[in-house]
PDB file of N, CA and C in Angstrom:
ATOM      1  N   UNK A   1       3.460  -3.766 -19.314  1.00  0.00           N
ATOM      2  CA  UNK A   1       2.342  -2.653 -18.708  1.00  0.00           C
ATOM      3  C   UNK A   1       4.085  -1.861 -18.117  1.00  0.00           C
ATOM      4  N   UNK A   2       3.998  -0.990 -18.737  1.00  0.00           N
ATOM      5  CA  UNK A   2       4.691   0.232 -17.958  1.00  0.00           C
ATOM      6  C   UNK A   2       4.422   0.446 -17.252  1.00  0.00           C
ATOM      7  N   UNK A   3       3.399   0.640 -15.817  1.00  0.00           N
ATOM      8  CA  UNK A   3       3.622   0.972 -14.521  1.00  0.00           C
ATOM      9  C   UNK A   3       2.354   0.282 -14.017  1.00  0.00           C
ATOM     10  N   UNK A   4       2.937  -0.868 -13.882  1.00  0.00           N
ATOM     11  CA  UNK A   4       1.939  -2.330 -13.367  1.00  0.00           C
ATOM     12  C   UNK A   4       1.608  -1.946 -11.327  1.00  0.00           C
ATOM     13  N   UNK A   5       0.168  -2.020 -11.834  1.00  0.00           N
ATOM     14  CA  UNK A   5      -0.280  -2.470  -9.863  1.00  0.00           C
ATOM     15  C   UNK A   5       0.796  -3.444  -9.279  1.00  0.00           C
ATOM     16  N   UNK A   6       1.407  -3.360  -8.413  1.00  0.00           N
ATOM     17  CA  UNK A   6       2.097  -4.440  -7.281  1.00  0.00           C
ATOM     18  C   UNK A   6       2.430  -4.855  -6.569  1.00  0.00           C
ATOM     19  N   UNK A   7       1.284  -4.474  -5.845  1.00  0.00           N
ATOM     20  CA  UNK A   7       1.236  -4.564  -3.442  1.00  0.00           C
ATOM     21  C   UNK A   7      -0.410  -3.656  -4.006  1.00  0.00           C
ATOM     22  N   UNK A   8      -1.169  -4.846  -3.168  1.00  0.00           N
ATOM     23  CA  UNK A   8      -2.182  -3.990  -2.663  1.00  0.00           C
ATOM     24  C   UNK A   8      -2.044  -4.246  -1.669  1.00  0.00           C
ATOM     25  N   UNK A   9      -3.034  -2.631  -0.722  1.00  0.00           N
ATOM     26  CA  UNK A   9      -3.021  -3.259   1.178  1.00  0.00           C
ATOM     27  C   UNK A   9      -3.653  -2.383   2.025  1.00  0.00           C
ATOM     28  N   UNK A  10      -4.643  -3.739   2.370  1.00  0.00           N
ATOM     29  CA  UNK A  10      -5.815  -3.212   3.614  1.00  0.00           C
ATOM     30  C   UNK A  10      -5.160  -2.539   4.493  1.00  0.00           C
ATOM     31  N   UNK A  11      -5.686  -1.044   4.621  1.00  0.00           N
ATOM     32  CA  UNK A  11      -5.837  -0.357   6.018  1.00  0.00           C
ATOM     33  C   UNK A  11      -6.867   0.050   6.646  1.00  0.00           C
ATOM     34  N   UNK A  12      -7.135  -1.554   8.086  1.00  0.00           N
ATOM     35  CA  UNK A  12      -8.308  -1.714   8.813  1.00  0.00           C
ATOM     36  C   UNK A  12      -8.016  -1.330  10.190  1.00  0.00           C
ATOM     37  N   UNK A  13      -9.947  -1.051  10.272  1.00  0.00           N
ATOM     38  CA  UNK A  13      -9.742  -1.112  11.866  1.00  0.00           C
ATOM     39  C   UNK A  13      -9.620  -2.189  12.364  1.00  0.00           C
ATOM     40  N   UNK A  14     -10.073  -3.508  11.668  1.00  0.00           N
ATOM     41  CA  UNK A  14      -9.513  -4.376  12.954  1.00  0.00           C
ATOM     42  C   UNK A  14      -8.628  -5.359  12.287  1.00  0.00           C
ATOM     43  N   UNK A  15      -7.742  -5.312  12.362  1.00  0.00           N
ATOM     44  CA  UNK A  15      -6.636  -6.409  12.152  1.00  0.00           C
ATOM     45  C   UNK A  15      -6.856  -7.734  12.213  1.00  0.00           C
ATOM     46  N   UNK A  16      -7.487  -8.479  13.320  1.00  0.00           N
ATOM     47  CA  UNK A  16      -7.464  -9.634  13.257  1.00  0.00           C
ATOM     48  C   UNK A  16      -8.475 -10.370  12.878  1.00  0.00           C
ATOM     49  N   UNK A  17     -10.016  -9.343  13.198  1.00  0.00           N
ATOM     50  CA  UNK A  17     -10.752  -9.413  11.745  1.00  0.00           C
ATOM     51  C   UNK A  17     -10.598  -9.703  11.203  1.00  0.00           C
ATOM     52  N   UNK A  18      -9.963  -8.575   9.499  1.00  0.00           N
ATOM     53  CA  UNK A  18      -9.645  -8.874   8.535  1.00  0.00           C
ATOM     54  C   UNK A  18      -8.601  -9.614   8.811  1.00  0.00           C
ATOM     55  N   UNK A  19      -7.851 -10.204   9.183  1.00  0.00           N
ATOM     56  CA  UNK A  19      -7.196 -12.038   8.703  1.00  0.00           C
ATOM     57  C   UNK A  19      -7.419 -12.910   8.836  1.00  0.00           C
ATOM     58  N   UNK A  20      -8.644 -13.453   9.437  1.00  0.00           N
ATOM     59  CA  UNK A  20      -9.497 -14.514   9.850  1.00  0.00           C
ATOM     60  C   UNK A  20      -9.996 -14.716   8.436  1.00  0.00           C
ATOM     61  N   UNK A  21     -10.785 -13.522   8.364  1.00  0.00           N
ATOM     62  CA  UNK A  21     -12.014 -13.162   7.013  1.00  0.00           C
ATOM     63  C   UNK A  21     -11.049 -13.725   5.461  1.00  0.00           C
ATOM     64  N   UNK A  22      -9.683 -13.247   5.676  1.00  0.00           N
ATOM     65  CA  UNK A  22      -9.340 -13.756   4.527  1.00  0.00           C
ATOM     66  C   UNK A  22      -8.597 -14.516   4.145  1.00  0.00           C
ATOM     67  N   UNK A  23      -8.191 -15.060   5.262  1.00  0.00           N
ATOM     68  CA  UNK A  23      -7.605 -16.542   5.150  1.00  0.00           C
ATOM     69  C   UNK A  23      -8.435 -17.378   5.173  1.00  0.00           C
ATOM     70  N   UNK A  24      -9.776 -17.367   5.557  1.00  0.00           N
ATOM     71  CA  UNK A  24     -10.913 -17.987   5.841  1.00  0.00           C
ATOM     72  C   UNK A  24     -11.287 -18.474   3.311  1.00  0.00           C
ATOM     73  N   UNK A  25     -11.775 -16.887   3.266  1.00  0.00           N
ATOM     74  CA  UNK A  25     -12.624 -16.193   1.901  1.00  0.00           C
ATOM     75  C   UNK A  25     -11.595 -16.601   1.656  1.00  0.00           C
ATOM     76  N   UNK A  26     -10.027 -16.557   0.922  1.00  0.00           N
ATOM     77  CA  UNK A  26      -9.274 -16.950  -0.038  1.00  0.00           C
ATOM     78  C   UNK A  26      -8.322 -17.981   0.533  1.00  0.00           C
ATOM     79  N   UNK A  27      -8.214 -18.441   1.641  1.00  0.00           N
ATOM     80  CA  UNK A  27      -6.937 -19.219   1.909  1.00  0.00           C
ATOM     81  C   UNK A  27      -5.778 -18.566   1.228  1.00  0.00           C
ATOM     82  N   UNK A  28      -5.807 -17.297   2.076  1.00  0.00           N
ATOM     83  CA  UNK A  28      -4.059 -16.465   1.327  1.00  0.00           C
ATOM     84  C   UNK A  28      -3.034 -17.016   2.332  1.00  0.00           C
ATOM     85  N   UNK A  29      -1.868 -17.184   2.349  1.00  0.00           N
ATOM     86  CA  UNK A  29      -1.057 -16.856   3.377  1.00  0.00           C
ATOM     87  C   UNK A  29      -0.160 -16.188   3.919  1.00  0.00           C
ATOM     88  N   UNK A  30      -0.639 -15.746   4.605  1.00  0.00           N
ATOM     89  CA  UNK A  30      -0.142 -14.876   5.617  1.00  0.00           C
ATOM     90  C   UNK A  30       0.783 -14.819   6.339  1.00  0.00           C
ATOM     91  N   UNK A  31       1.379 -13.699   6.069  1.00  0.00           N
ATOM     92  CA  UNK A  31       3.071 -13.638   7.070  1.00  0.00           C
ATOM     93  C   UNK A  31       2.796 -11.959   8.113  1.00  0.00           C
ATOM     94  N   UNK A  32       2.692 -12.869   9.170  1.00  0.00           N
ATOM     95  CA  UNK A  32       3.564 -10.941   9.672  1.00  0.00           C
ATOM     96  C   UNK A  32       4.870 -10.595   9.490  1.00  0.00           C
ATOM     97  N   UNK A  33       5.164  -9.470   9.974  1.00  0.00           N
ATOM     98  CA  UNK A  33       6.695  -9.080   9.646  1.00  0.00           C
ATOM     99  C   UNK A  33       6.231  -7.455  11.030  1.00  0.00           C
ATOM    100  N   UNK A  34       8.031  -7.902  11.749  1.00  0.00           N
ATOM    101  CA  UNK A  34       7.855  -6.872  12.483  1.00  0.00           C
ATOM    102  C   UNK A  34       8.207  -5.722  11.971  1.00  0.00           C
ATOM    103  N   UNK A  35       7.928  -4.595  12.834  1.00  0.00           N
ATOM    104  CA  UNK A  35       8.135  -2.709  12.105  1.00  0.00           C
ATOM    105  C   UNK A  35       8.768  -1.672  13.138  1.00  0.00           C
ATOM    106  N   UNK A  36       8.927  -1.087  12.631  1.00  0.00           N
ATOM    107  CA  UNK A  36       8.984   0.196  14.023  1.00  0.00           C
ATOM    108  C   UNK A  36       8.062   0.325  14.393  1.00  0.00           C
ATOM    109  N   UNK A  37       6.851   0.483  13.594  1.00  0.00           N
ATOM    110  CA  UNK A  37       5.654   1.071  14.393  1.00  0.00           C
ATOM    111  C   UNK A  37       4.362   0.366  14.257  1.00  0.00           C
ATOM    112  N   UNK A  38       4.671  -1.406  14.610  1.00  0.00           N
ATOM    113  CA  UNK A  38       3.907  -2.717  14.982  1.00  0.00           C
ATOM    114  C   UNK A  38       3.428  -2.903  13.790  1.00  0.00           C
ATOM    115  N   UNK A  39       3.205  -4.044  13.683  1.00  0.00           N
ATOM    116  CA  UNK A  39       3.322  -5.462  12.948  1.00  0.00           C
ATOM    117  C   UNK A  39       3.000  -5.051  11.748  1.00  0.00           C
ATOM    118  N   UNK A  40       3.225  -6.153  10.456  1.00  0.00           N
ATOM    119  CA  UNK A  40       2.680  -5.549   9.604  1.00  0.00           C
ATOM    120  C   UNK A  40       2.099  -6.998   8.376  1.00  0.00           C
ATOM    121  N   UNK A  41       1.362  -7.655   7.897  1.00  0.00           N
ATOM    122  CA  UNK A  41       1.332  -8.456   7.732  1.00  0.00           C
ATOM    123  C   UNK A  41       0.851  -8.745   6.471  1.00  0.00           C
ATOM    124  N   UNK A  42       2.270  -9.266   5.450  1.00  0.00           N
ATOM    125  CA  UNK A  42       2.079  -9.978   4.220  1.00  0.00           C
ATOM    126  C   UNK A  42       1.214 -11.072   3.809  1.00  0.00           C
ATOM    127  N   UNK A  43       0.510 -10.048   1.909  1.00  0.00           N
ATOM    128  CA  UNK A  43      -0.629 -11.306   1.815  1.00  0.00           C
ATOM    129  C   UNK A  43       0.561 -11.951   0.778  1.00  0.00           C
ATOM    130  N   UNK A  44       0.255 -13.555   0.621  1.00  0.00           N
ATOM    131  CA  UNK A  44       0.755 -14.327  -0.630  1.00  0.00           C
ATOM    132  C   UNK A  44       0.249 -14.994  -1.625  1.00  0.00           C
ATOM    133  N   UNK A  45       0.076 -14.562  -2.178  1.00  0.00           N
ATOM    134  CA  UNK A  45      -1.701 -15.067  -2.874  1.00  0.00           C
ATOM    135  C   UNK A  45      -1.006 -16.140  -4.264  1.00  0.00           C
ATOM    136  N   UNK A  46       0.259 -15.613  -4.147  1.00  0.00           N
ATOM    137  CA  UNK A  46       1.042 -17.021  -4.934  1.00  0.00           C
ATOM    138  C   UNK A  46       0.809 -16.744  -6.609  1.00  0.00           C
ATOM    139  N   UNK A  47       0.341 -16.621  -7.662  1.00  0.00           N
ATOM    140  CA  UNK A  47       0.437 -16.104  -8.778  1.00  0.00           C
ATOM    141  C   UNK A  47      -0.592 -15.117  -8.767  1.00  0.00           C
ATOM    142  N   UNK A  48       0.162 -13.707  -8.832  1.00  0.00           N
ATOM    143  CA  UNK A  48      -0.914 -12.806  -9.183  1.00  0.00           C
ATOM    144  C   UNK A  48      -0.034 -11.430  -7.717  1.00  0.00           C
ATOM    145  N   UNK A  49      -1.334 -10.458  -8.088  1.00  0.00           N
ATOM    146  CA  UNK A  49      -0.207  -9.088  -7.191  1.00  0.00           C
ATOM    147  C   UNK A  49      -0.507  -9.146  -5.677  1.00  0.00           C
ATOM    148  N   UNK A  50       0.094  -9.809  -4.664  1.00  0.00           N
ATOM    149  CA  UNK A  50      -0.178 -10.080  -3.662  1.00  0.00           C
ATOM    150  C   UNK A  50      -0.204  -8.693  -2.451  1.00  0.00           C
ATOM    151  N   UNK A  51       0.686  -8.293  -2.198  1.00  0.00           N
ATOM    152  CA  UNK A  51      -0.091  -7.492  -0.878  1.00  0.00           C
ATOM    153  C   UNK A  51       0.200  -7.728   0.842  1.00  0.00           C
ATOM    154  N   UNK A  52      -0.204  -6.500   1.461  1.00  0.00           N
ATOM    155  CA  UNK A  52      -0.739  -6.875   2.995  1.00  0.00           C
ATOM    156  C   UNK A  52      -1.504  -5.966   3.228  1.00  0.00           C
ATOM    157  N   UNK A  53      -1.568  -5.954   4.761  1.00  0.00           N
ATOM    158  CA  UNK A  53      -2.631  -5.417   5.372  1.00  0.00           C
ATOM    159  C   UNK A  53      -2.002  -5.011   7.374  1.00  0.00           C
ATOM    160  N   UNK A  54      -2.618  -4.014   7.780  1.00  0.00           N
ATOM    161  CA  UNK A  54      -2.170  -3.545   8.308  1.00  0.00           C
ATOM    162  C   UNK A  54      -3.087  -2.296   9.062  1.00  0.00           C
ATOM    163  N   UNK A  55      -3.045  -2.476  10.489  1.00  0.00           N
ATOM    164  CA  UNK A  55      -4.003  -1.180  11.359  1.00  0.00           C
ATOM    165  C   UNK A  55      -4.380  -0.215  10.814  1.00  0.00           C
ATOM    166  N   UNK A  56      -5.296   0.472  10.661  1.00  0.00           N
ATOM    167  CA  UNK A  56      -4.892   1.786   9.713  1.00  0.00           C
ATOM    168  C   UNK A  56      -4.344   2.407  10.387  1.00  0.00           C
ATOM    169  N   UNK A  57      -4.015   3.581   9.407  1.00  0.00           N
ATOM    170  CA  UNK A  57      -2.434   4.549  10.785  1.00  0.00           C
ATOM    171  C   UNK A  57      -3.558   5.677  10.971  1.00  0.00           C
ATOM    172  N   UNK A  58      -4.774   5.900  10.768  1.00  0.00           N
ATOM    173  CA  UNK A  58      -5.451   6.943  10.713  1.00  0.00           C
ATOM    174  C   UNK A  58      -6.435   6.755  11.498  1.00  0.00           C
ATOM    175  N   UNK A  59      -5.953   6.890  12.817  1.00  0.00           N
ATOM    176  CA  UNK A  59      -7.489   6.709  13.811  1.00  0.00           C
ATOM    177  C   UNK A  59      -8.844   7.358  13.091  1.00  0.00           C
ATOM    178  N   UNK A  60      -9.607   7.072  13.253  1.00  0.00           N
ATOM    179  CA  UNK A  60     -11.648   7.045  12.806  1.00  0.00           C
ATOM    180  C   UNK A  60     -11.576   7.013  11.316  1.00  0.00           C
ATOM    181  N   UNK A  61     -10.399   6.445  10.890  1.00  0.00           N
ATOM    182  CA  UNK A  61     -10.390   6.735   9.021  1.00  0.00           C
ATOM    183  C   UNK A  61     -11.288   5.176   9.098  1.00  0.00           C
ATOM    184  N   UNK A  62     -11.782   4.908   7.740  1.00  0.00           N
ATOM    185  CA  UNK A  62     -12.794   2.825   7.969  1.00  0.00           C
ATOM    186  C   UNK A  62     -11.569   2.682   7.527  1.00  0.00           C
ATOM    187  N   UNK A  63     -11.793   1.373   7.081  1.00  0.00           N
ATOM    188  CA  UNK A  63     -11.124   0.376   6.635  1.00  0.00           C
ATOM    189  C   UNK A  63     -11.198   0.648   4.856  1.00  0.00           C
ATOM    190  N   UNK A  64     -10.123   0.584   3.723  1.00  0.00           N
ATOM    191  CA  UNK A  64     -10.078   0.382   2.942  1.00  0.00           C
ATOM    192  C   UNK A  64      -8.814  -0.045   2.073  1.00  0.00           C
ATOM    193  N   UNK A  65      -9.095   0.101   1.007  1.00  0.00           N
ATOM    194  CA  UNK A  65      -8.190  -1.147   0.604  1.00  0.00           C
ATOM    195  C   UNK A  65      -7.407  -0.212  -0.962  1.00  0.00           C
ATOM    196  N   UNK A  66      -5.726   0.169  -1.123  1.00  0.00           N
ATOM    197  CA  UNK A  66      -5.025   1.125  -1.151  1.00  0.00           C
ATOM    198  C   UNK A  66      -4.797  -0.070  -1.971  1.00  0.00           C
ATOM    199  N   UNK A  67      -4.208   0.464  -3.346  1.00  0.00           N
ATOM    200  CA  UNK A  67      -3.540   0.655  -4.540  1.00  0.00           C
ATOM    201  C   UNK A  67      -2.176   0.955  -4.424  1.00  0.00           C
ATOM    202  N   UNK A  68      -1.383  -0.367  -4.927  1.00  0.00           N
ATOM    203  CA  UNK A  68       0.023   0.992  -5.612  1.00  0.00           C
ATOM    204  C   UNK A  68       0.598   0.217  -6.726  1.00  0.00           C
ATOM    205  N   UNK A  69       1.123   1.335  -7.992  1.00  0.00           N
ATOM    206  CA  UNK A  69       1.787   1.071  -9.293  1.00  0.00           C
ATOM    207  C   UNK A  69       3.204   1.810  -8.855  1.00  0.00           C
ATOM    208  N   UNK A  70       3.493   0.317  -9.760  1.00  0.00           N
ATOM    209  CA  UNK A  70       5.139   1.109  -9.841  1.00  0.00           C
ATOM    210  C   UNK A  70       5.840   2.187 -10.138  1.00  0.00           C
ATOM    211  N   UNK A  71       6.623   3.047 -10.142  1.00  0.00           N
ATOM    212  CA  UNK A  71       7.157   3.775 -10.206  1.00  0.00           C
ATOM    213  C   UNK A  71       8.773   3.819 -11.266  1.00  0.00           C
ATOM    214  N   UNK A  72       9.481   4.376 -11.698  1.00  0.00           N
ATOM    215  CA  UNK A  72      10.817   4.116 -11.224  1.00  0.00           C
ATOM    216  C   UNK A  72      11.667   5.447 -10.802  1.00  0.00           C
ATOM    217  N   UNK A  73      11.081   6.618 -11.214  1.00  0.00           N
ATOM    218  CA  UNK A  73      11.444   7.612 -10.021  1.00  0.00           C
ATOM    219  C   UNK A  73       9.822   8.590  -8.782  1.00  0.00           C
ATOM    220  N   UNK A  74      10.675   7.977  -8.147  1.00  0.00           N
ATOM    221  CA  UNK A  74       9.610   8.335  -7.000  1.00  0.00           C
ATOM    222  C   UNK A  74       8.880   9.636  -7.049  1.00  0.00           C
ATOM    223  N   UNK A  75      10.436  10.447  -6.519  1.00  0.00           N
ATOM    224  CA  UNK A  75      10.303  11.760  -6.591  1.00  0.00           C
ATOM    225  C   UNK A  75       9.759  12.568  -7.775  1.00  0.00           C
ATOM    226  N   UNK A  76       9.434  11.746  -9.324  1.00  0.00           N
ATOM    227  CA  UNK A  76       9.743  12.933 -10.591  1.00  0.00           C
ATOM    228  C   UNK A  76       8.223  12.261 -10.754  1.00  0.00           C
ATOM    229  N   UNK A  77       7.774  10.724  -9.901  1.00  0.00           N
ATOM    230  CA  UNK A  77       6.983  10.348  -9.951  1.00  0.00           C
ATOM    231  C   UNK A  77       5.590  11.529  -8.786  1.00  0.00           C
ATOM    232  N   UNK A  78       5.939  10.989  -7.847  1.00  0.00           N
ATOM    233  CA  UNK A  78       4.771  12.225  -7.342  1.00  0.00           C
ATOM    234  C   UNK A  78       4.908  13.470  -7.216  1.00  0.00           C
ATOM    235  N   UNK A  79       6.117  13.860  -7.964  1.00  0.00           N
ATOM    236  CA  UNK A  79       5.957  15.880  -8.912  1.00  0.00           C
ATOM    237  C   UNK A  79       4.857  15.942  -9.774  1.00  0.00           C
ATOM    238  N   UNK A  80       4.825  15.024 -10.893  1.00  0.00           N
ATOM    239  CA  UNK A  80       4.567  14.425 -11.796  1.00  0.00           C
ATOM    240  C   UNK A  80       3.094  14.504 -11.939  1.00  0.00           C
ATOM    241  N   UNK A  81       2.520  13.806 -10.915  1.00  0.00           N
ATOM    242  CA  UNK A  81       1.151  14.032  -9.956  1.00  0.00           C
ATOM    243  C   UNK A  81       0.873  14.994  -9.133  1.00  0.00           C
ATOM    244  N   UNK A  82       1.211  15.547  -8.657  1.00  0.00           N
ATOM    245  CA  UNK A  82       1.112  16.298  -8.600  1.00  0.00           C
ATOM    246  C   UNK A  82       1.342  18.073  -9.690  1.00  0.00           C
ATOM    247  N   UNK A  83       1.639  17.646  -9.811  1.00  0.00           N
ATOM    248  CA  UNK A  83       0.662  18.873 -11.156  1.00  0.00           C
ATOM    249  C   UNK A  83       0.759  18.883 -12.382  1.00  0.00           C
ATOM    250  N   UNK A  84      -0.261  17.665 -12.107  1.00  0.00           N
ATOM    251  CA  UNK A  84      -2.010  16.726 -12.998  1.00  0.00           C
ATOM    252  C   UNK A  84      -2.433  17.242 -12.074  1.00  0.00           C
ATOM    253  N   UNK A  85      -2.846  17.747 -11.002  1.00  0.00           N
ATOM    254  CA  UNK A  85      -3.634  18.365  -9.628  1.00  0.00           C
ATOM    255  C   UNK A  85      -4.119  17.263  -8.725  1.00  0.00           C
ATOM    256  N   UNK A  86      -2.927  16.312  -8.807  1.00  0.00           N
ATOM    257  CA  UNK A  86      -3.514  15.052  -7.156  1.00  0.00           C
ATOM    258  C   UNK A  86      -2.716  16.349  -6.539  1.00  0.00           C
ATOM    259  N   UNK A  87      -2.930  15.254  -5.168  1.00  0.00           N
ATOM    260  CA  UNK A  87      -2.647  16.043  -3.728  1.00  0.00           C
ATOM    261  C   UNK A  87      -1.719  15.126  -3.408  1.00  0.00           C
ATOM    262  N   UNK A  88      -1.025  15.096  -2.575  1.00  0.00           N
ATOM    263  CA  UNK A  88       0.438  14.182  -1.465  1.00  0.00           C
ATOM    264  C   UNK A  88      -0.497  14.597  -0.342  1.00  0.00           C
ATOM    265  N   UNK A  89      -0.748  13.324   0.072  1.00  0.00           N
ATOM    266  CA  UNK A  89      -1.585  12.844   0.525  1.00  0.00           C
ATOM    267  C   UNK A  89      -0.483  12.893   2.063  1.00  0.00           C
ATOM    268  N   UNK A  90       0.869  11.387   1.563  1.00  0.00           N
ATOM    269  CA  UNK A  90       1.982  11.595   2.028  1.00  0.00           C
ATOM    270  C   UNK A  90       3.354  11.491   1.413  1.00  0.00           C
ATOM    271  N   UNK A  91       4.221  11.774   2.006  1.00  0.00           N
ATOM    272  CA  UNK A  91       5.636  11.894   0.948  1.00  0.00           C
ATOM    273  C   UNK A  91       5.595  10.918   0.631  1.00  0.00           C
ATOM    274  N   UNK A  92       7.378  11.219   0.268  1.00  0.00           N
ATOM    275  CA  UNK A  92       8.120   9.971  -0.046  1.00  0.00           C
ATOM    276  C   UNK A  92       8.635   9.090   1.881  1.00  0.00           C
ATOM    277  N   UNK A  93       8.510   8.221   1.608  1.00  0.00           N
ATOM    278  CA  UNK A  93       8.662   7.558   3.046  1.00  0.00           C
ATOM    279  C   UNK A  93       9.079   5.960   2.188  1.00  0.00           C
ATOM    280  N   UNK A  94      10.758   5.957   3.155  1.00  0.00           N
ATOM    281  CA  UNK A  94      10.960   4.686   2.227  1.00  0.00           C
ATOM    282  C   UNK A  94      10.440   3.776   3.464  1.00  0.00           C
ATOM    283  N   UNK A  95      10.634   2.431   3.390  1.00  0.00           N
ATOM    284  CA  UNK A  95      10.269   0.801   4.263  1.00  0.00           C
ATOM    285  C   UNK A  95      12.074   0.231   4.051  1.00  0.00           C
ATOM    286  N   UNK A  96      12.219   0.350   5.564  1.00  0.00           N
ATOM    287  CA  UNK A  96      13.043  -0.794   5.812  1.00  0.00           C
ATOM    288  C   UNK A  96      14.186  -1.021   4.757  1.00  0.00           C
ATOM    289  N   UNK A  97      14.829  -1.848   4.025  1.00  0.00           N
ATOM    290  CA  UNK A  97      15.747  -1.816   2.869  1.00  0.00           C
ATOM    291  C   UNK A  97      14.817  -2.057   1.601  1.00  0.00           C
ATOM    292  N   UNK A  98      13.294  -2.512   1.491  1.00  0.00           N
ATOM    293  CA  UNK A  98      12.554  -2.395   0.587  1.00  0.00           C
ATOM    294  C   UNK A  98      12.320  -1.583  -0.916  1.00  0.00           C
ATOM    295  N   UNK A  99      12.093  -0.386  -0.270  1.00  0.00           N
ATOM    296  CA  UNK A  99      12.150   0.901  -1.492  1.00  0.00           C
ATOM    297  C   UNK A  99      11.929   1.847  -0.883  1.00  0.00           C
ATOM    298  N   UNK A 100      10.842   2.495  -1.687  1.00  0.00           N
ATOM    299  CA  UNK A 100       9.581   3.996  -1.178  1.00  0.00           C
ATOM    300  C   UNK A 100       8.264   4.365  -1.513  1.00  0.00           C
ATOM    301  N   UNK A 101       7.651   5.388  -0.503  1.00  0.00           N
ATOM    302  CA  UNK A 101       6.193   5.096  -1.957  1.00  0.00           C
ATOM    303  C   UNK A 101       6.096   6.158  -1.379  1.00  0.00           C
ATOM    304  N   UNK A 102       4.370   7.149  -1.808  1.00  0.00           N
ATOM    305  CA  UNK A 102       4.313   7.865  -1.605  1.00  0.00           C
ATOM    306  C   UNK A 102       3.074   7.994  -1.470  1.00  0.00           C
ATOM    307  N   UNK A 103       2.115   8.540  -0.908  1.00  0.00           N
ATOM    308  CA  UNK A 103       0.649   7.908  -1.488  1.00  0.00           C
ATOM    309  C   UNK A 103      -0.005   9.614  -2.060  1.00  0.00           C
ATOM    310  N   UNK A 104      -1.145   9.494  -3.447  1.00  0.00           N
ATOM    311  CA  UNK A 104      -1.142  10.684  -3.857  1.00  0.00           C
ATOM    312  C   UNK A 104      -3.111  10.083  -3.786  1.00  0.00           C
ATOM    313  N   UNK A 105      -3.816  12.001  -4.193  1.00  0.00           N
ATOM    314  CA  UNK A 105      -5.875  11.945  -3.902  1.00  0.00           C
ATOM    315  C   UNK A 105      -5.633  12.160  -5.752  1.00  0.00           C
ATOM    316  N   UNK A 106      -5.682  11.586  -6.164  1.00  0.00           N
ATOM    317  CA  UNK A 106      -5.894  12.507  -7.814  1.00  0.00           C
ATOM    318  C   UNK A 106      -6.879  13.583  -7.887  1.00  0.00           C
ATOM    319  N   UNK A 107      -7.010  13.575  -8.999  1.00  0.00           N
ATOM    320  CA  UNK A 107      -8.025  15.132  -9.006  1.00  0.00           C
ATOM    321  C   UNK A 107      -9.704  14.200  -8.863  1.00  0.00           C
ATOM    322  N   UNK A 108      -9.879  13.369  -8.821  1.00  0.00           N
ATOM    323  CA  UNK A 108     -11.288  12.679  -8.589  1.00  0.00           C
ATOM    324  C   UNK A 108     -11.172  12.227  -7.299  1.00  0.00           C
ATOM    325  N   UNK A 109     -10.758  12.182  -6.587  1.00  0.00           N
ATOM    326  CA  UNK A 109     -10.601  11.923  -5.021  1.00  0.00           C
ATOM    327  C   UNK A 109     -10.161  10.516  -4.538  1.00  0.00           C
ATOM    328  N   UNK A 110      -9.969   9.423  -5.617  1.00  0.00           N
ATOM    329  CA  UNK A 110      -8.936   8.292  -5.837  1.00  0.00           C
ATOM    330  C   UNK A 110      -7.910   8.677  -4.917  1.00  0.00           C
ATOM    331  N   UNK A 111      -7.422   7.426  -3.925  1.00  0.00           N
ATOM    332  CA  UNK A 111      -6.171   7.561  -3.371  1.00  0.00           C
ATOM    333  C   UNK A 111      -5.454   6.292  -4.082  1.00  0.00           C
ATOM    334  N   UNK A 112      -4.037   6.587  -4.410  1.00  0.00           N
ATOM    335  CA  UNK A 112      -3.064   5.378  -4.935  1.00  0.00           C
ATOM    336  C   UNK A 112      -2.099   5.788  -4.428  1.00  0.00           C
ATOM    337  N   UNK A 113      -1.323   4.733  -4.461  1.00  0.00           N
ATOM    338  CA  UNK A 113       0.148   4.537  -3.772  1.00  0.00           C
ATOM    339  C   UNK A 113       0.897   4.691  -4.942  1.00  0.00           C
ATOM    340  N   UNK A 114       2.360   5.259  -4.407  1.00  0.00           N
ATOM    341  CA  UNK A 114       3.282   4.601  -6.042  1.00  0.00           C
ATOM    342  C   UNK A 114       4.177   4.083  -5.448  1.00  0.00           C
ATOM    343  N   UNK A 115       4.708   3.577  -5.915  1.00  0.00           N
ATOM    344  CA  UNK A 115       6.083   2.359  -5.478  1.00  0.00           C
ATOM    345  C   UNK A 115       7.065   2.449  -6.149  1.00  0.00           C
ATOM    346  N   UNK A 116       8.003   2.450  -5.105  1.00  0.00           N
ATOM    347  CA  UNK A 116       9.692   2.583  -5.799  1.00  0.00           C
ATOM    348  C   UNK A 116      10.405   1.328  -5.223  1.00  0.00           C
ATOM    349  N   UNK A 117      10.804  -0.134  -6.233  1.00  0.00           N
ATOM    350  CA  UNK A 117      11.192  -1.045  -5.412  1.00  0.00           C
ATOM    351  C   UNK A 117      12.989  -0.278  -5.696  1.00  0.00           C
ATOM    352  N   UNK A 118      13.698  -0.553  -3.728  1.00  0.00           N
ATOM    353  CA  UNK A 118      15.326   0.166  -3.365  1.00  0.00           C
ATOM    354  C   UNK A 118      16.250  -1.160  -4.548  1.00  0.00           C
ATOM    355  N   UNK A 119      17.302  -0.791  -5.305  1.00  0.00           N
ATOM    356  CA  UNK A 119      17.865  -0.940  -6.686  1.00  0.00           C
ATOM    357  C   UNK A 119      18.493  -1.392  -5.824  1.00  0.00           C
TER     358      UNK A 119
END
């Protein structure tokens, strides 16, 4: 597949409760990783697409899962999405030395992350 899903992220209103639930539900291995803006929990699932979870960055917003799709040129993919009618919710943002992402809302209202690994 040219642009696979590569990461799934939970933005939650209660991080500790979510961690407890998903560890018990699926036996996922969770690993906390310090970030400049707080803690980020890596979800290691073994085979398949892993992800992460964090306290929702938008106060008052409900908990939600956000999938990310891999792209080779984040600026071009973000611009293309916008040209096709998407709204750019969060512009290109670098994540330490791992890569960069943007978040779009497609013309139907669905939110999607675009991810480019730092090479």
